[in-house]
Amino acid sequence: MQGAPQLGLKNTTPIKCEECESEFFVEAYNLRKASKLLTGSTKDMIVPIPIFRCAECGNVNEEFKPVK
C-alpha cells in the first residue's frame, strides 16, 4: 500500500522577498470592511485577512496579496 509522499525541507524551495530577497517573513493582517447590508448584521463587520510581509523591508509579495 502506497502512502502519501514524505514532505521534508529537501523537497521544498525557499520563498524570497521580491524586493530584498530575504527569506524571513512575519504575519500581518489586511483588514476589509463588510457592509451590514451584506452580512445581515446590525453593524459593519471587519474581516481580517492574514498575509505575510517581509521581516526585513516590509514588502508583501504578489502571491501573498489577497485577491481583489
C-alpha atoms as a PDB file:
ATOM      1  CA  MET A   1       0.000   0.000   0.000  1.00  0.00           C
ATOM      2  CA  GLN A   2       1.396   3.354  -1.027  1.00  0.00           C
ATOM      3  CA  GLY A   3       1.237   6.230   1.431  1.00  0.00           C
ATOM      4  CA  ALA A   4       1.403   9.935   0.890  1.00  0.00           C
ATOM      5  CA  PRO A   5       4.789  11.258  -0.224  1.00  0.00           C
ATOM      6  CA  GLN A   6       7.061  12.407   2.582  1.00  0.00           C
ATOM      7  CA  LEU A   7       7.328  16.177   2.771  1.00  0.00           C
ATOM      8  CA  GLY A   8      10.658  17.428   4.065  1.00  0.00           C
ATOM      9  CA  LEU A   9      12.755  20.557   3.723  1.00  0.00           C
ATOM     10  CA  LYS A  10      14.794  18.962   0.947  1.00  0.00           C
ATOM     11  CA  ASN A  11      11.566  18.641  -1.089  1.00  0.00           C
ATOM     12  CA  THR A  12      10.725  22.343  -0.845  1.00  0.00           C
ATOM     13  CA  THR A  13      12.039  25.572  -2.309  1.00  0.00           C
ATOM     14  CA  PRO A  14      12.502  28.804  -0.334  1.00  0.00           C
ATOM     15  CA  ILE A  15      10.252  31.781  -0.916  1.00  0.00           C
ATOM     16  CA  LYS A  16      12.148  35.055  -1.119  1.00  0.00           C
ATOM     17  CA  CYS A  17      11.040  38.652  -0.849  1.00  0.00           C
ATOM     18  CA  GLU A  18      10.507  40.142  -4.313  1.00  0.00           C
ATOM     19  CA  GLU A  19      12.239  43.337  -3.192  1.00  0.00           C
ATOM     20  CA  CYS A  20      15.219  42.423  -1.000  1.00  0.00           C
ATOM     21  CA  GLU A  21      15.404  38.603  -1.402  1.00  0.00           C
ATOM     22  CA  SER A  22      15.149  37.959   2.347  1.00  0.00           C
ATOM     23  CA  GLU A  23      13.725  34.551   3.265  1.00  0.00           C
ATOM     24  CA  PHE A  24      12.130  35.748   6.510  1.00  0.00           C
ATOM     25  CA  PHE A  25       8.505  36.842   6.800  1.00  0.00           C
ATOM     26  CA  VAL A  26       6.151  37.935   9.564  1.00  0.00           C
ATOM     27  CA  GLU A  27       2.386  37.612   9.677  1.00  0.00           C
ATOM     28  CA  ALA A  28       0.319  40.752   9.224  1.00  0.00           C
ATOM     29  CA  TYR A  29      -3.348  41.383   8.521  1.00  0.00           C
ATOM     30  CA  ASN A  30      -5.146  43.071   5.656  1.00  0.00           C
ATOM     31  CA  LEU A  31      -8.395  44.440   7.072  1.00  0.00           C
ATOM     32  CA  ARG A  32     -11.540  44.607   4.957  1.00  0.00           C
ATOM     33  CA  LYS A  33     -14.910  46.047   5.883  1.00  0.00           C
ATOM     34  CA  ALA A  34     -18.124  44.198   5.022  1.00  0.00           C
ATOM     35  CA  SER A  35     -21.321  46.227   4.936  1.00  0.00           C
ATOM     36  CA  LYS A  36     -24.037  45.356   7.438  1.00  0.00           C
ATOM     37  CA  LEU A  37     -26.393  45.240   4.461  1.00  0.00           C
ATOM     38  CA  LEU A  38     -24.425  42.319   3.014  1.00  0.00           C
ATOM     39  CA  THR A  39     -23.906  40.462   6.285  1.00  0.00           C
ATOM     40  CA  GLY A  40     -27.384  40.896   7.767  1.00  0.00           C
ATOM     41  CA  SER A  41     -25.794  42.222  10.950  1.00  0.00           C
ATOM     42  CA  THR A  42     -26.626  45.402  12.836  1.00  0.00           C
ATOM     43  CA  LYS A  43     -23.075  46.716  12.281  1.00  0.00           C
ATOM     44  CA  ASP A  44     -20.484  46.654   9.540  1.00  0.00           C
ATOM     45  CA  MET A  45     -18.019  43.804  10.052  1.00  0.00           C
ATOM     46  CA  ILE A  46     -14.241  43.942   9.982  1.00  0.00           C
ATOM     47  CA  VAL A  47     -12.762  40.917   8.213  1.00  0.00           C
ATOM     48  CA  PRO A  48      -9.072  40.201   8.976  1.00  0.00           C
ATOM     49  CA  ILE A  49      -7.168  38.501   6.154  1.00  0.00           C
ATOM     50  CA  PRO A  50      -3.802  37.073   7.240  1.00  0.00           C
ATOM     51  CA  ILE A  51      -0.878  37.860   4.928  1.00  0.00           C
ATOM     52  CA  PHE A  52       2.906  37.652   5.154  1.00  0.00           C
ATOM     53  CA  ARG A  53       5.224  40.635   4.812  1.00  0.00           C
ATOM     54  CA  CYS A  54       8.999  40.642   4.612  1.00  0.00           C
ATOM     55  CA  ALA A  55      10.641  40.881   8.023  1.00  0.00           C
ATOM     56  CA  GLU A  56      13.469  42.973   6.549  1.00  0.00           C
ATOM     57  CA  CYS A  57      11.813  45.549   4.263  1.00  0.00           C
ATOM     58  CA  GLY A  58       8.053  45.120   4.861  1.00  0.00           C
ATOM     59  CA  ASN A  59       7.239  44.212   1.245  1.00  0.00           C
ATOM     60  CA  VAL A  60       4.248  41.936   0.559  1.00  0.00           C
ATOM     61  CA  ASN A  61       4.973  39.560  -2.341  1.00  0.00           C
ATOM     62  CA  GLU A  62       2.298  39.462  -5.040  1.00  0.00           C
ATOM     63  CA  GLU A  63       1.462  35.830  -4.226  1.00  0.00           C
ATOM     64  CA  PHE A  64       0.590  36.841  -0.644  1.00  0.00           C
ATOM     65  CA  LYS A  65      -1.750  39.716  -1.543  1.00  0.00           C
ATOM     66  CA  PRO A  66      -5.471  38.997  -1.224  1.00  0.00           C
ATOM     67  CA  VAL A  67      -7.416  38.748  -4.466  1.00  0.00           C
ATOM     68  CA  LYS A  68      -9.465  41.866  -5.045  1.00  0.00           C
END
